[in-house]
Amino acid sequence: FSTLDYAKMAQLMIHPVIIDGRNF
């Protein structure tokens, strides 16, 4: 999960919100 394409994932979301439950 440290190397996912988060920019692409944010574009696919309705609201680009992430709760980092492990402070990872």
PDBML (XML) file of the C-alpha atoms, coordinates in Angstrom:
<?xml version="1.0" encoding="UTF-8" ?>
<PDBx:datablock datablockName="MODEL"
   xmlns:PDBx="http://pdbml.pdb.org/schema/pdbx-v50.xsd"
   xmlns:xsi="http://www.w3.org/2001/XMLSchema-instance"
   xsi:schemaLocation="http://pdbml.pdb.org/schema/pdbx-v50.xsd pdbx-v50.xsd">
   <PDBx:atom_siteCategory>
      <PDBx:atom_site id="1">
         <PDBx:B_iso_or_equiv>0.00</PDBx:B_iso_or_equiv>
         <PDBx:Cartn_x>0.000</PDBx:Cartn_x>
         <PDBx:Cartn_y>0.000</PDBx:Cartn_y>
         <PDBx:Cartn_z>0.000</PDBx:Cartn_z>
         <PDBx:auth_asym_id>A</PDBx:auth_asym_id>
         <PDBx:auth_atom_id>CA</PDBx:auth_atom_id>
         <PDBx:auth_comp_id>PHE</PDBx:auth_comp_id>
         <PDBx:auth_seq_id>1</PDBx:auth_seq_id>
         <PDBx:group_PDB>ATOM</PDBx:group_PDB>
         <PDBx:label_alt_id xsi:nil="true" />
         <PDBx:label_asym_id>A</PDBx:label_asym_id>
         <PDBx:label_atom_id>CA</PDBx:label_atom_id>
         <PDBx:label_comp_id>PHE</PDBx:label_comp_id>
         <PDBx:label_entity_id>1</PDBx:label_entity_id>
         <PDBx:label_seq_id>1</PDBx:label_seq_id>
         <PDBx:occupancy>1.00</PDBx:occupancy>
         <PDBx:pdbx_PDB_model_num>1</PDBx:pdbx_PDB_model_num>
         <PDBx:type_symbol>C</PDBx:type_symbol>
      </PDBx:atom_site>
      <PDBx:atom_site id="2">
         <PDBx:B_iso_or_equiv>0.00</PDBx:B_iso_or_equiv>
         <PDBx:Cartn_x>3.008</PDBx:Cartn_x>
         <PDBx:Cartn_y>2.327</PDBx:Cartn_y>
         <PDBx:Cartn_z>0.176</PDBx:Cartn_z>
         <PDBx:auth_asym_id>A</PDBx:auth_asym_id>
         <PDBx:auth_atom_id>CA</PDBx:auth_atom_id>
         <PDBx:auth_comp_id>SER</PDBx:auth_comp_id>
         <PDBx:auth_seq_id>2</PDBx:auth_seq_id>
         <PDBx:group_PDB>ATOM</PDBx:group_PDB>
         <PDBx:label_alt_id xsi:nil="true" />
         <PDBx:label_asym_id>A</PDBx:label_asym_id>
         <PDBx:label_atom_id>CA</PDBx:label_atom_id>
         <PDBx:label_comp_id>SER</PDBx:label_comp_id>
         <PDBx:label_entity_id>1</PDBx:label_entity_id>
         <PDBx:label_seq_id>2</PDBx:label_seq_id>
         <PDBx:occupancy>1.00</PDBx:occupancy>
         <PDBx:pdbx_PDB_model_num>1</PDBx:pdbx_PDB_model_num>
         <PDBx:type_symbol>C</PDBx:type_symbol>
      </PDBx:atom_site>
      <PDBx:atom_site id="3">
         <PDBx:B_iso_or_equiv>0.00</PDBx:B_iso_or_equiv>
         <PDBx:Cartn_x>3.484</PDBx:Cartn_x>
         <PDBx:Cartn_y>2.173</PDBx:Cartn_y>
         <PDBx:Cartn_z>-3.598</PDBx:Cartn_z>
         <PDBx:auth_asym_id>A</PDBx:auth_asym_id>
         <PDBx:auth_atom_id>CA</PDBx:auth_atom_id>
         <PDBx:auth_comp_id>THR</PDBx:auth_comp_id>
         <PDBx:auth_seq_id>3</PDBx:auth_seq_id>
         <PDBx:group_PDB>ATOM</PDBx:group_PDB>
         <PDBx:label_alt_id xsi:nil="true" />
         <PDBx:label_asym_id>A</PDBx:label_asym_id>
         <PDBx:label_atom_id>CA</PDBx:label_atom_id>
         <PDBx:label_comp_id>THR</PDBx:label_comp_id>
         <PDBx:label_entity_id>1</PDBx:label_entity_id>
         <PDBx:label_seq_id>3</PDBx:label_seq_id>
         <PDBx:occupancy>1.00</PDBx:occupancy>
         <PDBx:pdbx_PDB_model_num>1</PDBx:pdbx_PDB_model_num>
         <PDBx:type_symbol>C</PDBx:type_symbol>
      </PDBx:atom_site>
      <PDBx:atom_site id="4">
         <PDBx:B_iso_or_equiv>0.00</PDBx:B_iso_or_equiv>
         <PDBx:Cartn_x>-0.080</PDBx:Cartn_x>
         <PDBx:Cartn_y>2.385</PDBx:Cartn_y>
         <PDBx:Cartn_z>-4.933</PDBx:Cartn_z>
         <PDBx:auth_asym_id>A</PDBx:auth_asym_id>
         <PDBx:auth_atom_id>CA</PDBx:auth_atom_id>
         <PDBx:auth_comp_id>LEU</PDBx:auth_comp_id>
         <PDBx:auth_seq_id>4</PDBx:auth_seq_id>
         <PDBx:group_PDB>ATOM</PDBx:group_PDB>
         <PDBx:label_alt_id xsi:nil="true" />
         <PDBx:label_asym_id>A</PDBx:label_asym_id>
         <PDBx:label_atom_id>CA</PDBx:label_atom_id>
         <PDBx:label_comp_id>LEU</PDBx:label_comp_id>
         <PDBx:label_entity_id>1</PDBx:label_entity_id>
         <PDBx:label_seq_id>4</PDBx:label_seq_id>
         <PDBx:occupancy>1.00</PDBx:occupancy>
         <PDBx:pdbx_PDB_model_num>1</PDBx:pdbx_PDB_model_num>
         <PDBx:type_symbol>C</PDBx:type_symbol>
      </PDBx:atom_site>
      <PDBx:atom_site id="5">
         <PDBx:B_iso_or_equiv>0.00</PDBx:B_iso_or_equiv>
         <PDBx:Cartn_x>-0.944</PDBx:Cartn_x>
         <PDBx:Cartn_y>4.982</PDBx:Cartn_y>
         <PDBx:Cartn_z>-7.590</PDBx:Cartn_z>
         <PDBx:auth_asym_id>A</PDBx:auth_asym_id>
         <PDBx:auth_atom_id>CA</PDBx:auth_atom_id>
         <PDBx:auth_comp_id>ASP</PDBx:auth_comp_id>
         <PDBx:auth_seq_id>5</PDBx:auth_seq_id>
         <PDBx:group_PDB>ATOM</PDBx:group_PDB>
         <PDBx:label_alt_id xsi:nil="true" />
         <PDBx:label_asym_id>A</PDBx:label_asym_id>
         <PDBx:label_atom_id>CA</PDBx:label_atom_id>
         <PDBx:label_comp_id>ASP</PDBx:label_comp_id>
         <PDBx:label_entity_id>1</PDBx:label_entity_id>
         <PDBx:label_seq_id>5</PDBx:label_seq_id>
         <PDBx:occupancy>1.00</PDBx:occupancy>
         <PDBx:pdbx_PDB_model_num>1</PDBx:pdbx_PDB_model_num>
         <PDBx:type_symbol>C</PDBx:type_symbol>
      </PDBx:atom_site>
      <PDBx:atom_site id="6">
         <PDBx:B_iso_or_equiv>0.00</PDBx:B_iso_or_equiv>
         <PDBx:Cartn_x>-2.862</PDBx:Cartn_x>
         <PDBx:Cartn_y>7.219</PDBx:Cartn_y>
         <PDBx:Cartn_z>-5.198</PDBx:Cartn_z>
         <PDBx:auth_asym_id>A</PDBx:auth_asym_id>
         <PDBx:auth_atom_id>CA</PDBx:auth_atom_id>
         <PDBx:auth_comp_id>TYR</PDBx:auth_comp_id>
         <PDBx:auth_seq_id>6</PDBx:auth_seq_id>
         <PDBx:group_PDB>ATOM</PDBx:group_PDB>
         <PDBx:label_alt_id xsi:nil="true" />
         <PDBx:label_asym_id>A</PDBx:label_asym_id>
         <PDBx:label_atom_id>CA</PDBx:label_atom_id>
         <PDBx:label_comp_id>TYR</PDBx:label_comp_id>
         <PDBx:label_entity_id>1</PDBx:label_entity_id>
         <PDBx:label_seq_id>6</PDBx:label_seq_id>
         <PDBx:occupancy>1.00</PDBx:occupancy>
         <PDBx:pdbx_PDB_model_num>1</PDBx:pdbx_PDB_model_num>
         <PDBx:type_symbol>C</PDBx:type_symbol>
      </PDBx:atom_site>
      <PDBx:atom_site id="7">
         <PDBx:B_iso_or_equiv>0.00</PDBx:B_iso_or_equiv>
         <PDBx:Cartn_x>-3.113</PDBx:Cartn_x>
         <PDBx:Cartn_y>10.093</PDBx:Cartn_y>
         <PDBx:Cartn_z>-7.707</PDBx:Cartn_z>
         <PDBx:auth_asym_id>A</PDBx:auth_asym_id>
         <PDBx:auth_atom_id>CA</PDBx:auth_atom_id>
         <PDBx:auth_comp_id>ALA</PDBx:auth_comp_id>
         <PDBx:auth_seq_id>7</PDBx:auth_seq_id>
         <PDBx:group_PDB>ATOM</PDBx:group_PDB>
         <PDBx:label_alt_id xsi:nil="true" />
         <PDBx:label_asym_id>A</PDBx:label_asym_id>
         <PDBx:label_atom_id>CA</PDBx:label_atom_id>
         <PDBx:label_comp_id>ALA</PDBx:label_comp_id>
         <PDBx:label_entity_id>1</PDBx:label_entity_id>
         <PDBx:label_seq_id>7</PDBx:label_seq_id>
         <PDBx:occupancy>1.00</PDBx:occupancy>
         <PDBx:pdbx_PDB_model_num>1</PDBx:pdbx_PDB_model_num>
         <PDBx:type_symbol>C</PDBx:type_symbol>
      </PDBx:atom_site>
      <PDBx:atom_site id="8">
         <PDBx:B_iso_or_equiv>0.00</PDBx:B_iso_or_equiv>
         <PDBx:Cartn_x>-5.017</PDBx:Cartn_x>
         <PDBx:Cartn_y>7.824</PDBx:Cartn_y>
         <PDBx:Cartn_z>-10.083</PDBx:Cartn_z>
         <PDBx:auth_asym_id>A</PDBx:auth_asym_id>
         <PDBx:auth_atom_id>CA</PDBx:auth_atom_id>
         <PDBx:auth_comp_id>LYS</PDBx:auth_comp_id>
         <PDBx:auth_seq_id>8</PDBx:auth_seq_id>
         <PDBx:group_PDB>ATOM</PDBx:group_PDB>
         <PDBx:label_alt_id xsi:nil="true" />
         <PDBx:label_asym_id>A</PDBx:label_asym_id>
         <PDBx:label_atom_id>CA</PDBx:label_atom_id>
         <PDBx:label_comp_id>LYS</PDBx:label_comp_id>
         <PDBx:label_entity_id>1</PDBx:label_entity_id>
         <PDBx:label_seq_id>8</PDBx:label_seq_id>
         <PDBx:occupancy>1.00</PDBx:occupancy>
         <PDBx:pdbx_PDB_model_num>1</PDBx:pdbx_PDB_model_num>
         <PDBx:type_symbol>C</PDBx:type_symbol>
      </PDBx:atom_site>
      <PDBx:atom_site id="9">
         <PDBx:B_iso_or_equiv>0.00</PDBx:B_iso_or_equiv>
         <PDBx:Cartn_x>-7.135</PDBx:Cartn_x>
         <PDBx:Cartn_y>6.458</PDBx:Cartn_y>
         <PDBx:Cartn_z>-7.225</PDBx:Cartn_z>
         <PDBx:auth_asym_id>A</PDBx:auth_asym_id>
         <PDBx:auth_atom_id>CA</PDBx:auth_atom_id>
         <PDBx:auth_comp_id>MET</PDBx:auth_comp_id>
         <PDBx:auth_seq_id>9</PDBx:auth_seq_id>
         <PDBx:group_PDB>ATOM</PDBx:group_PDB>
         <PDBx:label_alt_id xsi:nil="true" />
         <PDBx:label_asym_id>A</PDBx:label_asym_id>
         <PDBx:label_atom_id>CA</PDBx:label_atom_id>
         <PDBx:label_comp_id>MET</PDBx:label_comp_id>
         <PDBx:label_entity_id>1</PDBx:label_entity_id>
         <PDBx:label_seq_id>9</PDBx:label_seq_id>
         <PDBx:occupancy>1.00</PDBx:occupancy>
         <PDBx:pdbx_PDB_model_num>1</PDBx:pdbx_PDB_model_num>
         <PDBx:type_symbol>C</PDBx:type_symbol>
      </PDBx:atom_site>
      <PDBx:atom_site id="10">
         <PDBx:B_iso_or_equiv>0.00</PDBx:B_iso_or_equiv>
         <PDBx:Cartn_x>-8.064</PDBx:Cartn_x>
         <PDBx:Cartn_y>9.993</PDBx:Cartn_y>
         <PDBx:Cartn_z>-6.105</PDBx:Cartn_z>
         <PDBx:auth_asym_id>A</PDBx:auth_asym_id>
         <PDBx:auth_atom_id>CA</PDBx:auth_atom_id>
         <PDBx:auth_comp_id>ALA</PDBx:auth_comp_id>
         <PDBx:auth_seq_id>10</PDBx:auth_seq_id>
         <PDBx:group_PDB>ATOM</PDBx:group_PDB>
         <PDBx:label_alt_id xsi:nil="true" />
         <PDBx:label_asym_id>A</PDBx:label_asym_id>
         <PDBx:label_atom_id>CA</PDBx:label_atom_id>
         <PDBx:label_comp_id>ALA</PDBx:label_comp_id>
         <PDBx:label_entity_id>1</PDBx:label_entity_id>
         <PDBx:label_seq_id>10</PDBx:label_seq_id>
         <PDBx:occupancy>1.00</PDBx:occupancy>
         <PDBx:pdbx_PDB_model_num>1</PDBx:pdbx_PDB_model_num>
         <PDBx:type_symbol>C</PDBx:type_symbol>
      </PDBx:atom_site>
      <PDBx:atom_site id="11">
         <PDBx:B_iso_or_equiv>0.00</PDBx:B_iso_or_equiv>
         <PDBx:Cartn_x>-9.311</PDBx:Cartn_x>
         <PDBx:Cartn_y>10.783</PDBx:Cartn_y>
         <PDBx:Cartn_z>-9.625</PDBx:Cartn_z>
         <PDBx:auth_asym_id>A</PDBx:auth_asym_id>
         <PDBx:auth_atom_id>CA</PDBx:auth_atom_id>
         <PDBx:auth_comp_id>GLN</PDBx:auth_comp_id>
         <PDBx:auth_seq_id>11</PDBx:auth_seq_id>
         <PDBx:group_PDB>ATOM</PDBx:group_PDB>
         <PDBx:label_alt_id xsi:nil="true" />
         <PDBx:label_asym_id>A</PDBx:label_asym_id>
         <PDBx:label_atom_id>CA</PDBx:label_atom_id>
         <PDBx:label_comp_id>GLN</PDBx:label_comp_id>
         <PDBx:label_entity_id>1</PDBx:label_entity_id>
         <PDBx:label_seq_id>11</PDBx:label_seq_id>
         <PDBx:occupancy>1.00</PDBx:occupancy>
         <PDBx:pdbx_PDB_model_num>1</PDBx:pdbx_PDB_model_num>
         <PDBx:type_symbol>C</PDBx:type_symbol>
      </PDBx:atom_site>
      <PDBx:atom_site id="12">
         <PDBx:B_iso_or_equiv>0.00</PDBx:B_iso_or_equiv>
         <PDBx:Cartn_x>-11.588</PDBx:Cartn_x>
         <PDBx:Cartn_y>7.721</PDBx:Cartn_y>
         <PDBx:Cartn_z>-9.548</PDBx:Cartn_z>
         <PDBx:auth_asym_id>A</PDBx:auth_asym_id>
         <PDBx:auth_atom_id>CA</PDBx:auth_atom_id>
         <PDBx:auth_comp_id>LEU</PDBx:auth_comp_id>
         <PDBx:auth_seq_id>12</PDBx:auth_seq_id>
         <PDBx:group_PDB>ATOM</PDBx:group_PDB>
         <PDBx:label_alt_id xsi:nil="true" />
         <PDBx:label_asym_id>A</PDBx:label_asym_id>
         <PDBx:label_atom_id>CA</PDBx:label_atom_id>
         <PDBx:label_comp_id>LEU</PDBx:label_comp_id>
         <PDBx:label_entity_id>1</PDBx:label_entity_id>
         <PDBx:label_seq_id>12</PDBx:label_seq_id>
         <PDBx:occupancy>1.00</PDBx:occupancy>
         <PDBx:pdbx_PDB_model_num>1</PDBx:pdbx_PDB_model_num>
         <PDBx:type_symbol>C</PDBx:type_symbol>
      </PDBx:atom_site>
      <PDBx:atom_site id="13">
         <PDBx:B_iso_or_equiv>0.00</PDBx:B_iso_or_equiv>
         <PDBx:Cartn_x>-13.271</PDBx:Cartn_x>
         <PDBx:Cartn_y>8.713</PDBx:Cartn_y>
         <PDBx:Cartn_z>-6.277</PDBx:Cartn_z>
         <PDBx:auth_asym_id>A</PDBx:auth_asym_id>
         <PDBx:auth_atom_id>CA</PDBx:auth_atom_id>
         <PDBx:auth_comp_id>MET</PDBx:auth_comp_id>
         <PDBx:auth_seq_id>13</PDBx:auth_seq_id>
         <PDBx:group_PDB>ATOM</PDBx:group_PDB>
         <PDBx:label_alt_id xsi:nil="true" />
         <PDBx:label_asym_id>A</PDBx:label_asym_id>
         <PDBx:label_atom_id>CA</PDBx:label_atom_id>
         <PDBx:label_comp_id>MET</PDBx:label_comp_id>
         <PDBx:label_entity_id>1</PDBx:label_entity_id>
         <PDBx:label_seq_id>13</PDBx:label_seq_id>
         <PDBx:occupancy>1.00</PDBx:occupancy>
         <PDBx:pdbx_PDB_model_num>1</PDBx:pdbx_PDB_model_num>
         <PDBx:type_symbol>C</PDBx:type_symbol>
      </PDBx:atom_site>
      <PDBx:atom_site id="14">
         <PDBx:B_iso_or_equiv>0.00</PDBx:B_iso_or_equiv>
         <PDBx:Cartn_x>-16.330</PDBx:Cartn_x>
         <PDBx:Cartn_y>10.882</PDBx:Cartn_y>
         <PDBx:Cartn_z>-5.669</PDBx:Cartn_z>
         <PDBx:auth_asym_id>A</PDBx:auth_asym_id>
         <PDBx:auth_atom_id>CA</PDBx:auth_atom_id>
         <PDBx:auth_comp_id>ILE</PDBx:auth_comp_id>
         <PDBx:auth_seq_id>14</PDBx:auth_seq_id>
         <PDBx:group_PDB>ATOM</PDBx:group_PDB>
         <PDBx:label_alt_id xsi:nil="true" />
         <PDBx:label_asym_id>A</PDBx:label_asym_id>
         <PDBx:label_atom_id>CA</PDBx:label_atom_id>
         <PDBx:label_comp_id>ILE</PDBx:label_comp_id>
         <PDBx:label_entity_id>1</PDBx:label_entity_id>
         <PDBx:label_seq_id>14</PDBx:label_seq_id>
         <PDBx:occupancy>1.00</PDBx:occupancy>
         <PDBx:pdbx_PDB_model_num>1</PDBx:pdbx_PDB_model_num>
         <PDBx:type_symbol>C</PDBx:type_symbol>
      </PDBx:atom_site>
      <PDBx:atom_site id="15">
         <PDBx:B_iso_or_equiv>0.00</PDBx:B_iso_or_equiv>
         <PDBx:Cartn_x>-14.664</PDBx:Cartn_x>
         <PDBx:Cartn_y>12.470</PDBx:Cartn_y>
         <PDBx:Cartn_z>-2.643</PDBx:Cartn_z>
         <PDBx:auth_asym_id>A</PDBx:auth_asym_id>
         <PDBx:auth_atom_id>CA</PDBx:auth_atom_id>
         <PDBx:auth_comp_id>HIS</PDBx:auth_comp_id>
         <PDBx:auth_seq_id>15</PDBx:auth_seq_id>
         <PDBx:group_PDB>ATOM</PDBx:group_PDB>
         <PDBx:label_alt_id xsi:nil="true" />
         <PDBx:label_asym_id>A</PDBx:label_asym_id>
         <PDBx:label_atom_id>CA</PDBx:label_atom_id>
         <PDBx:label_comp_id>HIS</PDBx:label_comp_id>
         <PDBx:label_entity_id>1</PDBx:label_entity_id>
         <PDBx:label_seq_id>15</PDBx:label_seq_id>
         <PDBx:occupancy>1.00</PDBx:occupancy>
         <PDBx:pdbx_PDB_model_num>1</PDBx:pdbx_PDB_model_num>
         <PDBx:type_symbol>C</PDBx:type_symbol>
      </PDBx:atom_site>
      <PDBx:atom_site id="16">
         <PDBx:B_iso_or_equiv>0.00</PDBx:B_iso_or_equiv>
         <PDBx:Cartn_x>-10.895</PDBx:Cartn_x>
         <PDBx:Cartn_y>11.844</PDBx:Cartn_y>
         <PDBx:Cartn_z>-2.417</PDBx:Cartn_z>
         <PDBx:auth_asym_id>A</PDBx:auth_asym_id>
         <PDBx:auth_atom_id>CA</PDBx:auth_atom_id>
         <PDBx:auth_comp_id>PRO</PDBx:auth_comp_id>
         <PDBx:auth_seq_id>16</PDBx:auth_seq_id>
         <PDBx:group_PDB>ATOM</PDBx:group_PDB>
         <PDBx:label_alt_id xsi:nil="true" />
         <PDBx:label_asym_id>A</PDBx:label_asym_id>
         <PDBx:label_atom_id>CA</PDBx:label_atom_id>
         <PDBx:label_comp_id>PRO</PDBx:label_comp_id>
         <PDBx:label_entity_id>1</PDBx:label_entity_id>
         <PDBx:label_seq_id>16</PDBx:label_seq_id>
         <PDBx:occupancy>1.00</PDBx:occupancy>
         <PDBx:pdbx_PDB_model_num>1</PDBx:pdbx_PDB_model_num>
         <PDBx:type_symbol>C</PDBx:type_symbol>
      </PDBx:atom_site>
      <PDBx:atom_site id="17">
         <PDBx:B_iso_or_equiv>0.00</PDBx:B_iso_or_equiv>
         <PDBx:Cartn_x>-10.761</PDBx:Cartn_x>
         <PDBx:Cartn_y>11.329</PDBx:Cartn_y>
         <PDBx:Cartn_z>1.354</PDBx:Cartn_z>
         <PDBx:auth_asym_id>A</PDBx:auth_asym_id>
         <PDBx:auth_atom_id>CA</PDBx:auth_atom_id>
         <PDBx:auth_comp_id>VAL</PDBx:auth_comp_id>
         <PDBx:auth_seq_id>17</PDBx:auth_seq_id>
         <PDBx:group_PDB>ATOM</PDBx:group_PDB>
         <PDBx:label_alt_id xsi:nil="true" />
         <PDBx:label_asym_id>A</PDBx:label_asym_id>
         <PDBx:label_atom_id>CA</PDBx:label_atom_id>
         <PDBx:label_comp_id>VAL</PDBx:label_comp_id>
         <PDBx:label_entity_id>1</PDBx:label_entity_id>
         <PDBx:label_seq_id>17</PDBx:label_seq_id>
         <PDBx:occupancy>1.00</PDBx:occupancy>
         <PDBx:pdbx_PDB_model_num>1</PDBx:pdbx_PDB_model_num>
         <PDBx:type_symbol>C</PDBx:type_symbol>
      </PDBx:atom_site>
      <PDBx:atom_site id="18">
         <PDBx:B_iso_or_equiv>0.00</PDBx:B_iso_or_equiv>
         <PDBx:Cartn_x>-8.474</PDBx:Cartn_x>
         <PDBx:Cartn_y>8.840</PDBx:Cartn_y>
         <PDBx:Cartn_z>3.095</PDBx:Cartn_z>
         <PDBx:auth_asym_id>A</PDBx:auth_asym_id>
         <PDBx:auth_atom_id>CA</PDBx:auth_atom_id>
         <PDBx:auth_comp_id>ILE</PDBx:auth_comp_id>
         <PDBx:auth_seq_id>18</PDBx:auth_seq_id>
         <PDBx:group_PDB>ATOM</PDBx:group_PDB>
         <PDBx:label_alt_id xsi:nil="true" />
         <PDBx:label_asym_id>A</PDBx:label_asym_id>
         <PDBx:label_atom_id>CA</PDBx:label_atom_id>
         <PDBx:label_comp_id>ILE</PDBx:label_comp_id>
         <PDBx:label_entity_id>1</PDBx:label_entity_id>
         <PDBx:label_seq_id>18</PDBx:label_seq_id>
         <PDBx:occupancy>1.00</PDBx:occupancy>
         <PDBx:pdbx_PDB_model_num>1</PDBx:pdbx_PDB_model_num>
         <PDBx:type_symbol>C</PDBx:type_symbol>
      </PDBx:atom_site>
      <PDBx:atom_site id="19">
         <PDBx:B_iso_or_equiv>0.00</PDBx:B_iso_or_equiv>
         <PDBx:Cartn_x>-8.482</PDBx:Cartn_x>
         <PDBx:Cartn_y>7.861</PDBx:Cartn_y>
         <PDBx:Cartn_z>6.765</PDBx:Cartn_z>
         <PDBx:auth_asym_id>A</PDBx:auth_asym_id>
         <PDBx:auth_atom_id>CA</PDBx:auth_atom_id>
         <PDBx:auth_comp_id>ILE</PDBx:auth_comp_id>
         <PDBx:auth_seq_id>19</PDBx:auth_seq_id>
         <PDBx:group_PDB>ATOM</PDBx:group_PDB>
         <PDBx:label_alt_id xsi:nil="true" />
         <PDBx:label_asym_id>A</PDBx:label_asym_id>
         <PDBx:label_atom_id>CA</PDBx:label_atom_id>
         <PDBx:label_comp_id>ILE</PDBx:label_comp_id>
         <PDBx:label_entity_id>1</PDBx:label_entity_id>
         <PDBx:label_seq_id>19</PDBx:label_seq_id>
         <PDBx:occupancy>1.00</PDBx:occupancy>
         <PDBx:pdbx_PDB_model_num>1</PDBx:pdbx_PDB_model_num>
         <PDBx:type_symbol>C</PDBx:type_symbol>
      </PDBx:atom_site>
      <PDBx:atom_site id="20">
         <PDBx:B_iso_or_equiv>0.00</PDBx:B_iso_or_equiv>
         <PDBx:Cartn_x>-5.075</PDBx:Cartn_x>
         <PDBx:Cartn_y>6.393</PDBx:Cartn_y>
         <PDBx:Cartn_z>7.555</PDBx:Cartn_z>
         <PDBx:auth_asym_id>A</PDBx:auth_asym_id>
         <PDBx:auth_atom_id>CA</PDBx:auth_atom_id>
         <PDBx:auth_comp_id>ASP</PDBx:auth_comp_id>
         <PDBx:auth_seq_id>20</PDBx:auth_seq_id>
         <PDBx:group_PDB>ATOM</PDBx:group_PDB>
         <PDBx:label_alt_id xsi:nil="true" />
         <PDBx:label_asym_id>A</PDBx:label_asym_id>
         <PDBx:label_atom_id>CA</PDBx:label_atom_id>
         <PDBx:label_comp_id>ASP</PDBx:label_comp_id>
         <PDBx:label_entity_id>1</PDBx:label_entity_id>
         <PDBx:label_seq_id>20</PDBx:label_seq_id>
         <PDBx:occupancy>1.00</PDBx:occupancy>
         <PDBx:pdbx_PDB_model_num>1</PDBx:pdbx_PDB_model_num>
         <PDBx:type_symbol>C</PDBx:type_symbol>
      </PDBx:atom_site>
      <PDBx:atom_site id="21">
         <PDBx:B_iso_or_equiv>0.00</PDBx:B_iso_or_equiv>
         <PDBx:Cartn_x>-5.978</PDBx:Cartn_x>
         <PDBx:Cartn_y>3.983</PDBx:Cartn_y>
         <PDBx:Cartn_z>10.352</PDBx:Cartn_z>
         <PDBx:auth_asym_id>A</PDBx:auth_asym_id>
         <PDBx:auth_atom_id>CA</PDBx:auth_atom_id>
         <PDBx:auth_comp_id>GLY</PDBx:auth_comp_id>
         <PDBx:auth_seq_id>21</PDBx:auth_seq_id>
         <PDBx:group_PDB>ATOM</PDBx:group_PDB>
         <PDBx:label_alt_id xsi:nil="true" />
         <PDBx:label_asym_id>A</PDBx:label_asym_id>
         <PDBx:label_atom_id>CA</PDBx:label_atom_id>
         <PDBx:label_comp_id>GLY</PDBx:label_comp_id>
         <PDBx:label_entity_id>1</PDBx:label_entity_id>
         <PDBx:label_seq_id>21</PDBx:label_seq_id>
         <PDBx:occupancy>1.00</PDBx:occupancy>
         <PDBx:pdbx_PDB_model_num>1</PDBx:pdbx_PDB_model_num>
         <PDBx:type_symbol>C</PDBx:type_symbol>
      </PDBx:atom_site>
      <PDBx:atom_site id="22">
         <PDBx:B_iso_or_equiv>0.00</PDBx:B_iso_or_equiv>
         <PDBx:Cartn_x>-2.350</PDBx:Cartn_x>
         <PDBx:Cartn_y>2.949</PDBx:Cartn_y>
         <PDBx:Cartn_z>10.878</PDBx:Cartn_z>
         <PDBx:auth_asym_id>A</PDBx:auth_asym_id>
         <PDBx:auth_atom_id>CA</PDBx:auth_atom_id>
         <PDBx:auth_comp_id>ARG</PDBx:auth_comp_id>
         <PDBx:auth_seq_id>22</PDBx:auth_seq_id>
         <PDBx:group_PDB>ATOM</PDBx:group_PDB>
         <PDBx:label_alt_id xsi:nil="true" />
         <PDBx:label_asym_id>A</PDBx:label_asym_id>
         <PDBx:label_atom_id>CA</PDBx:label_atom_id>
         <PDBx:label_comp_id>ARG</PDBx:label_comp_id>
         <PDBx:label_entity_id>1</PDBx:label_entity_id>
         <PDBx:label_seq_id>22</PDBx:label_seq_id>
         <PDBx:occupancy>1.00</PDBx:occupancy>
         <PDBx:pdbx_PDB_model_num>1</PDBx:pdbx_PDB_model_num>
         <PDBx:type_symbol>C</PDBx:type_symbol>
      </PDBx:atom_site>
      <PDBx:atom_site id="23">
         <PDBx:B_iso_or_equiv>0.00</PDBx:B_iso_or_equiv>
         <PDBx:Cartn_x>-0.495</PDBx:Cartn_x>
         <PDBx:Cartn_y>6.248</PDBx:Cartn_y>
         <PDBx:Cartn_z>10.300</PDBx:Cartn_z>
         <PDBx:auth_asym_id>A</PDBx:auth_asym_id>
         <PDBx:auth_atom_id>CA</PDBx:auth_atom_id>
         <PDBx:auth_comp_id>ASN</PDBx:auth_comp_id>
         <PDBx:auth_seq_id>23</PDBx:auth_seq_id>
         <PDBx:group_PDB>ATOM</PDBx:group_PDB>
         <PDBx:label_alt_id xsi:nil="true" />
         <PDBx:label_asym_id>A</PDBx:label_asym_id>
         <PDBx:label_atom_id>CA</PDBx:label_atom_id>
         <PDBx:label_comp_id>ASN</PDBx:label_comp_id>
         <PDBx:label_entity_id>1</PDBx:label_entity_id>
         <PDBx:label_seq_id>23</PDBx:label_seq_id>
         <PDBx:occupancy>1.00</PDBx:occupancy>
         <PDBx:pdbx_PDB_model_num>1</PDBx:pdbx_PDB_model_num>
         <PDBx:type_symbol>C</PDBx:type_symbol>
      </PDBx:atom_site>
      <PDBx:atom_site id="24">
         <PDBx:B_iso_or_equiv>0.00</PDBx:B_iso_or_equiv>
         <PDBx:Cartn_x>1.257</PDBx:Cartn_x>
         <PDBx:Cartn_y>4.316</PDBx:Cartn_y>
         <PDBx:Cartn_z>7.556</PDBx:Cartn_z>
         <PDBx:auth_asym_id>A</PDBx:auth_asym_id>
         <PDBx:auth_atom_id>CA</PDBx:auth_atom_id>
         <PDBx:auth_comp_id>PHE</PDBx:auth_comp_id>
         <PDBx:auth_seq_id>24</PDBx:auth_seq_id>
         <PDBx:group_PDB>ATOM</PDBx:group_PDB>
         <PDBx:label_alt_id xsi:nil="true" />
         <PDBx:label_asym_id>A</PDBx:label_asym_id>
         <PDBx:label_atom_id>CA</PDBx:label_atom_id>
         <PDBx:label_comp_id>PHE</PDBx:label_comp_id>
         <PDBx:label_entity_id>1</PDBx:label_entity_id>
         <PDBx:label_seq_id>24</PDBx:label_seq_id>
         <PDBx:occupancy>1.00</PDBx:occupancy>
         <PDBx:pdbx_PDB_model_num>1</PDBx:pdbx_PDB_model_num>
         <PDBx:type_symbol>C</PDBx:type_symbol>
      </PDBx:atom_site>
   </PDBx:atom_siteCategory>
</PDBx:datablock>
